[in-house]
Amino acid sequence: MPRFAAIGLDHRHIYDLTAGLLAAGAVCAGHDPETSDPRVLAGFRKRFPDVPAVSRERLLDDPSIDFVVLAAVPSDRAALAIEAMRRGKDVMVDKPGVTTPEQLAAVEAVVRDTGRIWSICLGRLTSPSVQAALDVVRSGELGRLVSLTSLAPHRLNRTLRPAWFFDREAYGGIIVDIGVHSIDQFLAFADAPDAIIAASTIGCFGTPPSGFEDFAEITLRSETMTGTMRLDWFTPDGLADWGDGRLFLVGTEGTLEIRKNLDLEGRAGGDHMFVANRQRTRYQDCGGLPVTYYGDFLDDVRDRTGRMLDGGRVFSVCRLALRCQAEAVRFTP
């Protein structure tokens, strides 16, 4: 069974990454207790009490460990991934995998030089409803896909956030941080290796501290379709989930909508899909569909196939996110 180590326990996403890999059959050989947020470390130990605390150096030097999982402060993730790859480990990293163009170039060079796997756990890969929607699009049921619109609101949960969460240099900016999910999703539905940035806007609407980026909109264009994406930190506290994520697809023969988090009509759970075509409308509950990302990653580690690099698309996603962030029109009312 493949063995991995959890290092960079600074974001709660480390819980989902570790749990997904364990469920897929991997063994967690240890966790590095170094953290910027003791609450995350305490939560990890509560969820995974049998995973021993081991120093980072020992974990990276252990030849029996095949890969590492990273959820460090975002600006630190590239350096940690590079160190791990140079010491013979593959890497699964929480988003964002990089926060600057220089970090991206360095990661690409190390992947090329070492042949190690570097995979970012992006939302599309762990969303049953998005995977089901991709199957619908590929089946031709919607005809030619011409437009994508995605809404990605997030709850701020201020009391749970460490200081680095509000530091632009640490989190990389709103598009680099959470917009990378939407950009990756667009490229997947467009089946395109890259896209043209038609517009990019970032807003700081007064969420303390001053200058925190709490809103963004992106419009991308491929050779075949357009995509408009909104992301923000304005999920109201009264909503029953951390966000009401939605995806709308328009094709020449039909339309599709996903309610990722919840259904306001009262259906339980998330991952609700609604399809309308020339013959009928239909609803599909995608919540019980399997998530294959973690198992696919383990297959890559075993077979050295690199499917999780997706033909290099992960680098294009990061590059687009960095460009959208850098080129955005700033809106500060």
C-alpha atoms as a PDB file:
ATOM      1  CA  MET A   1       0.000   0.000   0.000  1.00  0.00           C
ATOM      2  CA  PRO A   2       1.322   3.503  -0.817  1.00  0.00           C
ATOM      3  CA  ARG A   3       2.506   5.504   2.156  1.00  0.00           C
ATOM      4  CA  PHE A   4       2.316   9.263   2.565  1.00  0.00           C
ATOM      5  CA  ALA A   5       3.112  12.027   5.027  1.00  0.00           C
ATOM      6  CA  ALA A   6       1.035  15.091   5.911  1.00  0.00           C
ATOM      7  CA  ILE A   7       3.130  18.244   6.212  1.00  0.00           C
ATOM      8  CA  GLY A   8       2.162  21.898   6.330  1.00  0.00           C
ATOM      9  CA  LEU A   9      -0.833  21.589   8.636  1.00  0.00           C
ATOM     10  CA  ASP A  10      -1.908  25.217   8.300  1.00  0.00           C
ATOM     11  CA  HIS A  11      -5.281  24.867   6.524  1.00  0.00           C
ATOM     12  CA  ARG A  12      -8.234  22.657   7.404  1.00  0.00           C
ATOM     13  CA  HIS A  13      -8.269  21.220   3.881  1.00  0.00           C
ATOM     14  CA  ILE A  14      -5.590  18.838   5.164  1.00  0.00           C
ATOM     15  CA  TYR A  15      -8.433  16.891   6.814  1.00  0.00           C
ATOM     16  CA  ASP A  16     -10.218  16.182   3.518  1.00  0.00           C
ATOM     17  CA  LEU A  17      -7.006  15.345   1.673  1.00  0.00           C
ATOM     18  CA  THR A  18      -5.892  12.898   4.342  1.00  0.00           C
ATOM     19  CA  ALA A  19      -9.330  11.296   4.698  1.00  0.00           C
ATOM     20  CA  GLY A  20      -9.698  10.894   0.929  1.00  0.00           C
ATOM     21  CA  LEU A  21      -6.327   9.198   0.585  1.00  0.00           C
ATOM     22  CA  LEU A  22      -6.960   6.873   3.526  1.00  0.00           C
ATOM     23  CA  ALA A  23     -10.320   5.870   2.055  1.00  0.00           C
ATOM     24  CA  ALA A  24      -8.602   5.155  -1.266  1.00  0.00           C
ATOM     25  CA  GLY A  25      -6.232   2.709   0.434  1.00  0.00           C
ATOM     26  CA  ALA A  26      -3.132   4.734   1.288  1.00  0.00           C
ATOM     27  CA  VAL A  27      -1.402   4.716   4.679  1.00  0.00           C
ATOM     28  CA  CYS A  28      -0.467   7.934   6.482  1.00  0.00           C
ATOM     29  CA  ALA A  29       2.965   7.306   7.957  1.00  0.00           C
ATOM     30  CA  GLY A  30       3.115  10.497   9.984  1.00  0.00           C
ATOM     31  CA  HIS A  31       2.316  14.187  10.272  1.00  0.00           C
ATOM     32  CA  ASP A  32       4.634  17.115  10.794  1.00  0.00           C
ATOM     33  CA  PRO A  33       3.393  18.983  13.903  1.00  0.00           C
ATOM     34  CA  GLU A  34       4.834  22.331  12.773  1.00  0.00           C
ATOM     35  CA  THR A  35       1.931  24.708  12.115  1.00  0.00           C
ATOM     36  CA  SER A  36       0.913  28.377  12.085  1.00  0.00           C
ATOM     37  CA  ASP A  37      -2.507  27.469  13.492  1.00  0.00           C
ATOM     38  CA  PRO A  38      -2.602  25.117  16.515  1.00  0.00           C
ATOM     39  CA  ARG A  39      -6.345  24.637  15.967  1.00  0.00           C
ATOM     40  CA  VAL A  40      -5.663  22.886  12.657  1.00  0.00           C
ATOM     41  CA  LEU A  41      -3.107  20.601  14.290  1.00  0.00           C
ATOM     42  CA  ALA A  42      -5.521  19.778  17.110  1.00  0.00           C
ATOM     43  CA  GLY A  43      -8.248  19.009  14.582  1.00  0.00           C
ATOM     44  CA  PHE A  44      -5.936  16.725  12.631  1.00  0.00           C
ATOM     45  CA  ARG A  45      -4.960  14.777  15.726  1.00  0.00           C
ATOM     46  CA  LYS A  46      -8.582  14.424  16.777  1.00  0.00           C
ATOM     47  CA  ARG A  47      -9.586  13.054  13.365  1.00  0.00           C
ATOM     48  CA  PHE A  48      -6.520  10.857  12.855  1.00  0.00           C
ATOM     49  CA  PRO A  49      -5.338   9.817  16.336  1.00  0.00           C
ATOM     50  CA  ASP A  50      -3.316   6.873  15.025  1.00  0.00           C
ATOM     51  CA  VAL A  51      -1.100   9.002  12.751  1.00  0.00           C
ATOM     52  CA  PRO A  52       2.143   9.703  14.657  1.00  0.00           C
ATOM     53  CA  ALA A  53       3.836  13.096  14.913  1.00  0.00           C
ATOM     54  CA  VAL A  54       7.189  12.979  13.108  1.00  0.00           C
ATOM     55  CA  SER A  55       9.561  15.802  12.231  1.00  0.00           C
ATOM     56  CA  ARG A  56       9.460  17.086   8.659  1.00  0.00           C
ATOM     57  CA  GLU A  57      13.064  16.133   8.011  1.00  0.00           C
ATOM     58  CA  ARG A  58      12.505  12.545   9.093  1.00  0.00           C
ATOM     59  CA  LEU A  59       9.406  12.272   6.925  1.00  0.00           C
ATOM     60  CA  LEU A  60      11.155  13.661   3.852  1.00  0.00           C
ATOM     61  CA  ASP A  61      14.158  11.387   4.409  1.00  0.00           C
ATOM     62  CA  ASP A  62      12.065   8.236   4.904  1.00  0.00           C
ATOM     63  CA  PRO A  63      12.479   6.113   1.731  1.00  0.00           C
ATOM     64  CA  SER A  64       9.317   4.147   2.528  1.00  0.00           C
ATOM     65  CA  ILE A  65       7.147   7.261   2.064  1.00  0.00           C
ATOM     66  CA  ASP A  66       5.972   7.628  -1.531  1.00  0.00           C
ATOM     67  CA  PHE A  67       4.428  11.093  -1.450  1.00  0.00           C
ATOM     68  CA  VAL A  68       3.509  14.034   0.746  1.00  0.00           C
ATOM     69  CA  VAL A  69       0.293  15.974   1.188  1.00  0.00           C
ATOM     70  CA  LEU A  70       0.634  19.740   1.704  1.00  0.00           C
ATOM     71  CA  ALA A  71      -1.768  22.318   3.125  1.00  0.00           C
ATOM     72  CA  ALA A  72       0.771  24.855   4.329  1.00  0.00           C
ATOM     73  CA  VAL A  73       0.413  28.639   4.210  1.00  0.00           C
ATOM     74  CA  PRO A  74      -0.194  29.148   0.451  1.00  0.00           C
ATOM     75  CA  SER A  75       2.951  31.196  -0.150  1.00  0.00           C
ATOM     76  CA  ASP A  76       5.031  28.377   1.395  1.00  0.00           C
ATOM     77  CA  ARG A  77       3.562  25.497  -0.604  1.00  0.00           C
ATOM     78  CA  ALA A  78       5.757  25.717  -3.684  1.00  0.00           C
ATOM     79  CA  ALA A  79       9.009  25.626  -1.699  1.00  0.00           C
ATOM     80  CA  LEU A  80       7.828  22.653   0.353  1.00  0.00           C
ATOM     81  CA  ALA A  81       6.688  20.793  -2.773  1.00  0.00           C
ATOM     82  CA  ILE A  82      10.004  21.453  -4.479  1.00  0.00           C
ATOM     83  CA  GLU A  83      11.930  20.204  -1.463  1.00  0.00           C
ATOM     84  CA  ALA A  84       9.809  17.050  -1.345  1.00  0.00           C
ATOM     85  CA  MET A  85      10.178  16.342  -5.076  1.00  0.00           C
ATOM     86  CA  ARG A  86      13.933  16.819  -4.955  1.00  0.00           C
ATOM     87  CA  ARG A  87      14.025  14.252  -2.162  1.00  0.00           C
ATOM     88  CA  GLY A  88      12.153  11.660  -4.200  1.00  0.00           C
ATOM     89  CA  LYS A  89       8.555  12.274  -3.167  1.00  0.00           C
ATOM     90  CA  ASP A  90       5.458  12.922  -5.265  1.00  0.00           C
ATOM     91  CA  VAL A  91       3.214  15.732  -4.070  1.00  0.00           C
ATOM     92  CA  MET A  92      -0.495  16.353  -3.610  1.00  0.00           C
ATOM     93  CA  VAL A  93      -1.056  19.971  -2.652  1.00  0.00           C
ATOM     94  CA  ASP A  94      -4.088  21.935  -1.545  1.00  0.00           C
ATOM     95  CA  LYS A  95      -4.971  24.881  -3.746  1.00  0.00           C
ATOM     96  CA  PRO A  96      -3.355  27.248  -4.514  1.00  0.00           C
ATOM     97  CA  GLY A  97      -0.248  25.306  -5.372  1.00  0.00           C
ATOM     98  CA  VAL A  98       1.673  28.520  -6.108  1.00  0.00           C
ATOM     99  CA  THR A  99       1.178  32.222  -5.398  1.00  0.00           C
ATOM    100  CA  THR A 100       3.683  33.855  -7.806  1.00  0.00           C
ATOM    101  CA  PRO A 101       4.873  33.307 -11.401  1.00  0.00           C
ATOM    102  CA  GLU A 102       8.369  32.648 -10.074  1.00  0.00           C
ATOM    103  CA  GLN A 103       7.078  29.823  -7.883  1.00  0.00           C
ATOM    104  CA  LEU A 104       5.212  28.295 -10.819  1.00  0.00           C
ATOM    105  CA  ALA A 105       8.314  28.378 -13.032  1.00  0.00           C
ATOM    106  CA  ALA A 106      10.354  26.726 -10.280  1.00  0.00           C
ATOM    107  CA  VAL A 107       7.776  23.966  -9.743  1.00  0.00           C
ATOM    108  CA  GLU A 108       7.549  23.280 -13.482  1.00  0.00           C
ATOM    109  CA  ALA A 109      11.326  23.013 -13.703  1.00  0.00           C
ATOM    110  CA  VAL A 110      11.549  20.569 -10.802  1.00  0.00           C
ATOM    111  CA  VAL A 111       8.712  18.407 -12.167  1.00  0.00           C
ATOM    112  CA  ARG A 112      10.521  18.309 -15.494  1.00  0.00           C
ATOM    113  CA  ASP A 113      13.896  17.542 -13.941  1.00  0.00           C
ATOM    114  CA  THR A 114      12.802  14.941 -11.394  1.00  0.00           C
ATOM    115  CA  GLY A 115       9.824  13.270 -13.084  1.00  0.00           C
ATOM    116  CA  ARG A 116       7.855  13.580  -9.848  1.00  0.00           C
ATOM    117  CA  ILE A 117       4.089  14.062  -9.758  1.00  0.00           C
ATOM    118  CA  TRP A 118       2.701  17.437  -8.596  1.00  0.00           C
ATOM    119  CA  SER A 119      -1.068  17.476  -8.296  1.00  0.00           C
ATOM    120  CA  ILE A 120      -3.317  20.255  -6.978  1.00  0.00           C
ATOM    121  CA  CYS A 121      -6.548  19.084  -5.382  1.00  0.00           C
ATOM    122  CA  LEU A 122      -8.959  21.319  -7.319  1.00  0.00           C
ATOM    123  CA  GLY A 123     -12.702  21.397  -6.758  1.00  0.00           C
ATOM    124  CA  ARG A 124     -13.615  19.821 -10.087  1.00  0.00           C
ATOM    125  CA  LEU A 125     -11.676  16.690  -9.203  1.00  0.00           C
ATOM    126  CA  THR A 126     -13.584  16.003  -5.988  1.00  0.00           C
ATOM    127  CA  SER A 127     -17.062  17.143  -7.086  1.00  0.00           C
ATOM    128  CA  PRO A 128     -19.382  14.273  -8.105  1.00  0.00           C
ATOM    129  CA  SER A 129     -21.830  16.675  -9.762  1.00  0.00           C
ATOM    130  CA  VAL A 130     -19.162  18.381 -11.880  1.00  0.00           C
ATOM    131  CA  GLN A 131     -17.866  15.005 -13.020  1.00  0.00           C
ATOM    132  CA  ALA A 132     -21.440  13.993 -13.911  1.00  0.00           C
ATOM    133  CA  ALA A 133     -21.908  17.256 -15.828  1.00  0.00           C
ATOM    134  CA  LEU A 134     -18.713  16.609 -17.784  1.00  0.00           C
ATOM    135  CA  ASP A 135     -20.124  13.202 -18.752  1.00  0.00           C
ATOM    136  CA  VAL A 136     -23.353  14.857 -19.953  1.00  0.00           C
ATOM    137  CA  VAL A 137     -21.416  17.363 -22.056  1.00  0.00           C
ATOM    138  CA  ARG A 138     -19.193  14.674 -23.566  1.00  0.00           C
ATOM    139  CA  SER A 139     -22.232  12.555 -24.426  1.00  0.00           C
ATOM    140  CA  GLY A 140     -23.490  15.295 -26.740  1.00  0.00           C
ATOM    141  CA  GLU A 141     -26.817  15.690 -24.932  1.00  0.00           C
ATOM    142  CA  LEU A 142     -26.402  19.469 -24.754  1.00  0.00           C
ATOM    143  CA  GLY A 143     -25.139  19.778 -28.316  1.00  0.00           C
ATOM    144  CA  ARG A 144     -22.226  22.141 -28.783  1.00  0.00           C
ATOM    145  CA  LEU A 145     -21.341  23.853 -25.510  1.00  0.00           C
ATOM    146  CA  VAL A 146     -21.264  27.627 -25.968  1.00  0.00           C
ATOM    147  CA  SER A 147     -21.365  29.197 -22.497  1.00  0.00           C
ATOM    148  CA  LEU A 148     -20.444  28.512 -18.876  1.00  0.00           C
ATOM    149  CA  THR A 149     -21.362  30.595 -15.855  1.00  0.00           C
ATOM    150  CA  SER A 150     -20.170  29.679 -12.378  1.00  0.00           C
ATOM    151  CA  LEU A 151     -20.919  31.235  -8.995  1.00  0.00           C
ATOM    152  CA  ALA A 152     -18.564  30.471  -6.127  1.00  0.00           C
ATOM    153  CA  PRO A 153     -19.552  32.289  -2.929  1.00  0.00           C
ATOM    154  CA  HIS A 154     -17.656  31.396   0.248  1.00  0.00           C
ATOM    155  CA  ARG A 155     -18.338  32.023   3.931  1.00  0.00           C
ATOM    156  CA  LEU A 156     -15.672  34.104   5.616  1.00  0.00           C
ATOM    157  CA  ASN A 157     -15.824  32.364   9.025  1.00  0.00           C
ATOM    158  CA  ARG A 158     -13.634  35.123  10.423  1.00  0.00           C
ATOM    159  CA  THR A 159     -13.159  33.595  13.872  1.00  0.00           C
ATOM    160  CA  LEU A 160     -11.637  30.459  12.333  1.00  0.00           C
ATOM    161  CA  ARG A 161      -9.149  32.270  10.106  1.00  0.00           C
ATOM    162  CA  PRO A 162      -5.466  32.687  11.054  1.00  0.00           C
ATOM    163  CA  ALA A 163      -3.679  35.989  10.451  1.00  0.00           C
ATOM    164  CA  TRP A 164      -2.095  34.811   7.182  1.00  0.00           C
ATOM    165  CA  PHE A 165      -5.564  34.357   5.654  1.00  0.00           C
ATOM    166  CA  PHE A 166      -5.888  38.160   5.417  1.00  0.00           C
ATOM    167  CA  ASP A 167      -2.308  38.766   4.204  1.00  0.00           C
ATOM    168  CA  ARG A 168      -2.290  39.286   0.431  1.00  0.00           C
ATOM    169  CA  GLU A 169       1.317  38.086   0.118  1.00  0.00           C
ATOM    170  CA  ALA A 170       0.493  34.892   2.020  1.00  0.00           C
ATOM    171  CA  TYR A 171      -2.713  33.837   0.258  1.00  0.00           C
ATOM    172  CA  GLY A 172      -1.822  35.159  -3.189  1.00  0.00           C
ATOM    173  CA  GLY A 173      -5.001  37.143  -3.882  1.00  0.00           C
ATOM    174  CA  ILE A 174      -8.603  36.054  -4.287  1.00  0.00           C
ATOM    175  CA  ILE A 175      -8.292  34.738  -7.868  1.00  0.00           C
ATOM    176  CA  VAL A 176      -5.084  32.825  -7.170  1.00  0.00           C
ATOM    177  CA  ASP A 177      -6.616  31.416  -3.987  1.00  0.00           C
ATOM    178  CA  ILE A 178     -10.205  30.414  -4.805  1.00  0.00           C
ATOM    179  CA  GLY A 179     -10.591  31.518  -8.436  1.00  0.00           C
ATOM    180  CA  VAL A 180      -8.193  28.791  -9.528  1.00  0.00           C
ATOM    181  CA  HIS A 181     -11.063  26.290  -9.039  1.00  0.00           C
ATOM    182  CA  SER A 182     -13.307  28.161 -11.474  1.00  0.00           C
ATOM    183  CA  ILE A 183     -10.561  28.566 -14.072  1.00  0.00           C
ATOM    184  CA  ASP A 184      -9.765  24.861 -13.967  1.00  0.00           C
ATOM    185  CA  GLN A 185     -13.461  24.055 -14.303  1.00  0.00           C
ATOM    186  CA  PHE A 186     -13.767  26.262 -17.396  1.00  0.00           C
ATOM    187  CA  LEU A 187     -10.797  24.638 -19.142  1.00  0.00           C
ATOM    188  CA  ALA A 188     -12.220  21.192 -18.387  1.00  0.00           C
ATOM    189  CA  PHE A 189     -15.611  21.964 -19.946  1.00  0.00           C
ATOM    190  CA  ALA A 190     -14.006  23.795 -22.863  1.00  0.00           C
ATOM    191  CA  ASP A 191     -11.632  20.831 -23.289  1.00  0.00           C
ATOM    192  CA  ALA A 192      -8.942  23.414 -23.883  1.00  0.00           C
ATOM    193  CA  PRO A 193      -5.301  23.621 -22.780  1.00  0.00           C
ATOM    194  CA  ASP A 194      -5.506  27.390 -22.292  1.00  0.00           C
ATOM    195  CA  ALA A 195      -7.824  30.383 -22.619  1.00  0.00           C
ATOM    196  CA  ILE A 196      -7.891  34.091 -23.412  1.00  0.00           C
ATOM    197  CA  ILE A 197      -8.622  36.484 -20.550  1.00  0.00           C
ATOM    198  CA  ALA A 198     -11.446  38.754 -21.713  1.00  0.00           C
ATOM    199  CA  ALA A 199     -11.944  40.519 -18.377  1.00  0.00           C
ATOM    200  CA  SER A 200     -10.837  40.301 -14.771  1.00  0.00           C
ATOM    201  CA  THR A 201     -12.048  42.394 -11.844  1.00  0.00           C
ATOM    202  CA  ILE A 202     -11.204  42.335  -8.143  1.00  0.00           C
ATOM    203  CA  GLY A 203     -13.127  44.170  -5.453  1.00  0.00           C
ATOM    204  CA  CYS A 204     -12.267  45.163  -1.897  1.00  0.00           C
ATOM    205  CA  PHE A 205     -15.683  46.061  -0.537  1.00  0.00           C
ATOM    206  CA  GLY A 206     -14.681  46.809   3.008  1.00  0.00           C
ATOM    207  CA  THR A 207     -14.179  43.422   4.634  1.00  0.00           C
ATOM    208  CA  PRO A 208     -11.679  44.145   7.441  1.00  0.00           C
ATOM    209  CA  PRO A 209      -8.768  44.414   7.368  1.00  0.00           C
ATOM    210  CA  SER A 210      -8.605  47.156   4.738  1.00  0.00           C
ATOM    211  CA  GLY A 211      -7.536  45.862   1.346  1.00  0.00           C
ATOM    212  CA  PHE A 212      -8.745  42.287   1.794  1.00  0.00           C
ATOM    213  CA  GLU A 213      -9.941  40.999  -1.582  1.00  0.00           C
ATOM    214  CA  ASP A 214     -13.509  39.810  -1.051  1.00  0.00           C
ATOM    215  CA  PHE A 215     -14.956  39.760  -4.603  1.00  0.00           C
ATOM    216  CA  ALA A 216     -13.832  38.903  -8.131  1.00  0.00           C
ATOM    217  CA  GLU A 217     -15.248  38.285 -11.600  1.00  0.00           C
ATOM    218  CA  ILE A 218     -13.466  36.646 -14.508  1.00  0.00           C
ATOM    219  CA  THR A 219     -14.459  36.196 -18.144  1.00  0.00           C
ATOM    220  CA  LEU A 220     -12.483  33.688 -20.208  1.00  0.00           C
ATOM    221  CA  ARG A 221     -12.749  32.691 -23.845  1.00  0.00           C
ATOM    222  CA  SER A 222     -11.582  29.533 -25.598  1.00  0.00           C
ATOM    223  CA  GLU A 223     -11.792  28.813 -29.314  1.00  0.00           C
ATOM    224  CA  THR A 224     -15.270  27.344 -28.847  1.00  0.00           C
ATOM    225  CA  MET A 225     -16.988  28.949 -25.846  1.00  0.00           C
ATOM    226  CA  THR A 226     -17.023  31.671 -23.211  1.00  0.00           C
ATOM    227  CA  GLY A 227     -17.079  31.491 -19.427  1.00  0.00           C
ATOM    228  CA  THR A 228     -17.997  34.001 -16.742  1.00  0.00           C
ATOM    229  CA  MET A 229     -17.042  33.272 -13.135  1.00  0.00           C
ATOM    230  CA  ARG A 230     -17.911  35.094  -9.912  1.00  0.00           C
ATOM    231  CA  LEU A 231     -16.291  34.394  -6.566  1.00  0.00           C
ATOM    232  CA  ASP A 232     -16.655  36.137  -3.237  1.00  0.00           C
ATOM    233  CA  TRP A 233     -16.533  35.901   0.556  1.00  0.00           C
ATOM    234  CA  PHE A 234     -20.131  37.047   1.091  1.00  0.00           C
ATOM    235  CA  THR A 235     -22.062  33.875   1.952  1.00  0.00           C
ATOM    236  CA  PRO A 236     -24.531  35.087   4.600  1.00  0.00           C
ATOM    237  CA  ASP A 237     -24.422  33.455   8.011  1.00  0.00           C
ATOM    238  CA  GLY A 238     -28.062  32.400   7.673  1.00  0.00           C
ATOM    239  CA  LEU A 239     -27.317  30.018   4.792  1.00  0.00           C
ATOM    240  CA  ALA A 240     -27.144  26.358   5.778  1.00  0.00           C
ATOM    241  CA  ASP A 241     -23.780  25.735   4.079  1.00  0.00           C
ATOM    242  CA  TRP A 242     -20.472  27.544   3.493  1.00  0.00           C
ATOM    243  CA  GLY A 243     -21.672  28.623   0.048  1.00  0.00           C
ATOM    244  CA  ASP A 244     -24.316  28.182  -2.620  1.00  0.00           C
ATOM    245  CA  GLY A 245     -22.033  27.158  -5.468  1.00  0.00           C
ATOM    246  CA  ARG A 246     -23.698  26.937  -8.871  1.00  0.00           C
ATOM    247  CA  LEU A 247     -22.741  26.044 -12.406  1.00  0.00           C
ATOM    248  CA  PHE A 248     -24.780  26.884 -15.510  1.00  0.00           C
ATOM    249  CA  LEU A 249     -24.034  25.424 -18.941  1.00  0.00           C
ATOM    250  CA  VAL A 250     -25.674  26.445 -22.213  1.00  0.00           C
ATOM    251  CA  GLY A 251     -25.431  24.243 -25.290  1.00  0.00           C
ATOM    252  CA  THR A 252     -27.060  24.362 -28.686  1.00  0.00           C
ATOM    253  CA  GLU A 253     -29.338  21.450 -27.747  1.00  0.00           C
ATOM    254  CA  GLY A 254     -29.848  21.867 -24.007  1.00  0.00           C
ATOM    255  CA  THR A 255     -28.922  23.442 -20.699  1.00  0.00           C
ATOM    256  CA  LEU A 256     -27.584  22.171 -17.389  1.00  0.00           C
ATOM    257  CA  GLU A 257     -27.454  23.558 -13.864  1.00  0.00           C
ATOM    258  CA  ILE A 258     -25.623  22.284 -10.805  1.00  0.00           C
ATOM    259  CA  ARG A 259     -26.388  23.275  -7.237  1.00  0.00           C
ATOM    260  CA  LYS A 260     -23.161  22.123  -5.619  1.00  0.00           C
ATOM    261  CA  ASN A 261     -23.840  22.764  -1.942  1.00  0.00           C
ATOM    262  CA  LEU A 262     -27.565  22.770  -1.327  1.00  0.00           C
ATOM    263  CA  ASP A 263     -30.998  22.840  -2.940  1.00  0.00           C
ATOM    264  CA  LEU A 264     -33.212  25.732  -1.871  1.00  0.00           C
ATOM    265  CA  GLU A 265     -36.248  23.577  -2.712  1.00  0.00           C
ATOM    266  CA  GLY A 266     -35.367  21.350   0.221  1.00  0.00           C
ATOM    267  CA  ARG A 267     -33.709  18.250  -1.217  1.00  0.00           C
ATOM    268  CA  ALA A 268     -31.129  16.982   1.230  1.00  0.00           C
ATOM    269  CA  GLY A 269     -27.385  17.212   0.693  1.00  0.00           C
ATOM    270  CA  GLY A 270     -25.450  18.723  -2.198  1.00  0.00           C
ATOM    271  CA  ASP A 271     -24.487  17.836  -5.781  1.00  0.00           C
ATOM    272  CA  HIS A 272     -27.871  18.416  -7.431  1.00  0.00           C
ATOM    273  CA  MET A 273     -27.962  18.439 -11.243  1.00  0.00           C
ATOM    274  CA  PHE A 274     -30.779  19.677 -13.493  1.00  0.00           C
ATOM    275  CA  VAL A 275     -30.754  19.058 -17.248  1.00  0.00           C
ATOM    276  CA  ALA A 276     -33.092  20.343 -19.967  1.00  0.00           C
ATOM    277  CA  ASN A 277     -32.839  19.100 -23.541  1.00  0.00           C
ATOM    278  CA  ARG A 278     -35.098  19.042 -26.616  1.00  0.00           C
ATOM    279  CA  GLN A 279     -37.194  16.163 -25.261  1.00  0.00           C
ATOM    280  CA  ARG A 280     -37.499  16.670 -21.512  1.00  0.00           C
ATOM    281  CA  THR A 281     -36.138  17.964 -18.238  1.00  0.00           C
ATOM    282  CA  ARG A 282     -34.577  15.707 -15.633  1.00  0.00           C
ATOM    283  CA  TYR A 283     -33.053  15.834 -12.186  1.00  0.00           C
ATOM    284  CA  GLN A 284     -30.122  13.768 -10.953  1.00  0.00           C
ATOM    285  CA  ASP A 285     -28.896  13.438  -7.386  1.00  0.00           C
ATOM    286  CA  CYS A 286     -25.130  13.128  -7.837  1.00  0.00           C
ATOM    287  CA  GLY A 287     -24.297  13.005  -4.146  1.00  0.00           C
ATOM    288  CA  GLY A 288     -23.775   9.238  -4.116  1.00  0.00           C
ATOM    289  CA  LEU A 289     -21.483   9.111  -7.134  1.00  0.00           C
ATOM    290  CA  PRO A 290     -17.898   8.074  -6.440  1.00  0.00           C
ATOM    291  CA  VAL A 291     -14.997  10.518  -6.170  1.00  0.00           C
ATOM    292  CA  THR A 292     -12.105   8.928  -8.054  1.00  0.00           C
ATOM    293  CA  TYR A 293      -9.453  11.637  -7.679  1.00  0.00           C
ATOM    294  CA  TYR A 294      -7.648  10.108  -4.707  1.00  0.00           C
ATOM    295  CA  GLY A 295      -7.591   6.629  -6.213  1.00  0.00           C
ATOM    296  CA  ASP A 296      -6.458   8.040  -9.562  1.00  0.00           C
ATOM    297  CA  PHE A 297      -3.622   9.843  -7.819  1.00  0.00           C
ATOM    298  CA  LEU A 298      -2.536   6.622  -6.108  1.00  0.00           C
ATOM    299  CA  ASP A 299      -2.614   4.870  -9.495  1.00  0.00           C
ATOM    300  CA  ASP A 300      -0.339   7.594 -10.878  1.00  0.00           C
ATOM    301  CA  VAL A 301       2.079   7.151  -7.992  1.00  0.00           C
ATOM    302  CA  ARG A 302       2.169   3.406  -8.598  1.00  0.00           C
ATOM    303  CA  ASP A 303       2.223   3.391 -12.409  1.00  0.00           C
ATOM    304  CA  ARG A 304       4.189   6.650 -13.018  1.00  0.00           C
ATOM    305  CA  THR A 305       1.584   7.660 -15.606  1.00  0.00           C
ATOM    306  CA  GLY A 306       1.116  11.300 -14.620  1.00  0.00           C
ATOM    307  CA  ARG A 307      -2.604  11.437 -15.413  1.00  0.00           C
ATOM    308  CA  MET A 308      -3.095  13.954 -12.614  1.00  0.00           C
ATOM    309  CA  LEU A 309      -0.939  16.458 -14.483  1.00  0.00           C
ATOM    310  CA  ASP A 310      -3.678  16.339 -17.133  1.00  0.00           C
ATOM    311  CA  GLY A 311      -1.313  16.919 -20.028  1.00  0.00           C
ATOM    312  CA  GLY A 312       0.167  19.951 -18.285  1.00  0.00           C
ATOM    313  CA  ARG A 313      -3.230  21.651 -17.863  1.00  0.00           C
ATOM    314  CA  VAL A 314      -2.585  22.140 -14.150  1.00  0.00           C
ATOM    315  CA  PHE A 315       0.254  24.499 -15.067  1.00  0.00           C
ATOM    316  CA  SER A 316      -2.004  26.387 -17.507  1.00  0.00           C
ATOM    317  CA  VAL A 317      -4.616  26.741 -14.775  1.00  0.00           C
ATOM    318  CA  CYS A 318      -2.066  28.237 -12.378  1.00  0.00           C
ATOM    319  CA  ARG A 319      -0.664  30.528 -15.077  1.00  0.00           C
ATOM    320  CA  LEU A 320      -4.126  31.817 -15.986  1.00  0.00           C
ATOM    321  CA  ALA A 321      -5.009  32.411 -12.329  1.00  0.00           C
ATOM    322  CA  LEU A 322      -1.808  34.374 -11.787  1.00  0.00           C
ATOM    323  CA  ARG A 323      -2.414  36.472 -14.919  1.00  0.00           C
ATOM    324  CA  CYS A 324      -6.057  37.160 -14.017  1.00  0.00           C
ATOM    325  CA  GLN A 325      -4.902  38.252 -10.561  1.00  0.00           C
ATOM    326  CA  ALA A 326      -2.152  40.513 -11.894  1.00  0.00           C
ATOM    327  CA  GLU A 327      -4.185  42.068 -14.743  1.00  0.00           C
ATOM    328  CA  ALA A 328      -7.431  42.637 -12.820  1.00  0.00           C
ATOM    329  CA  VAL A 329      -9.153  45.988 -12.728  1.00  0.00           C
ATOM    330  CA  ARG A 330      -9.359  46.955  -9.061  1.00  0.00           C
ATOM    331  CA  PHE A 331     -12.686  48.136  -7.672  1.00  0.00           C
ATOM    332  CA  THR A 332     -12.585  49.782  -4.248  1.00  0.00           C
ATOM    333  CA  PRO A 333     -15.761  51.741  -3.500  1.00  0.00           C
END
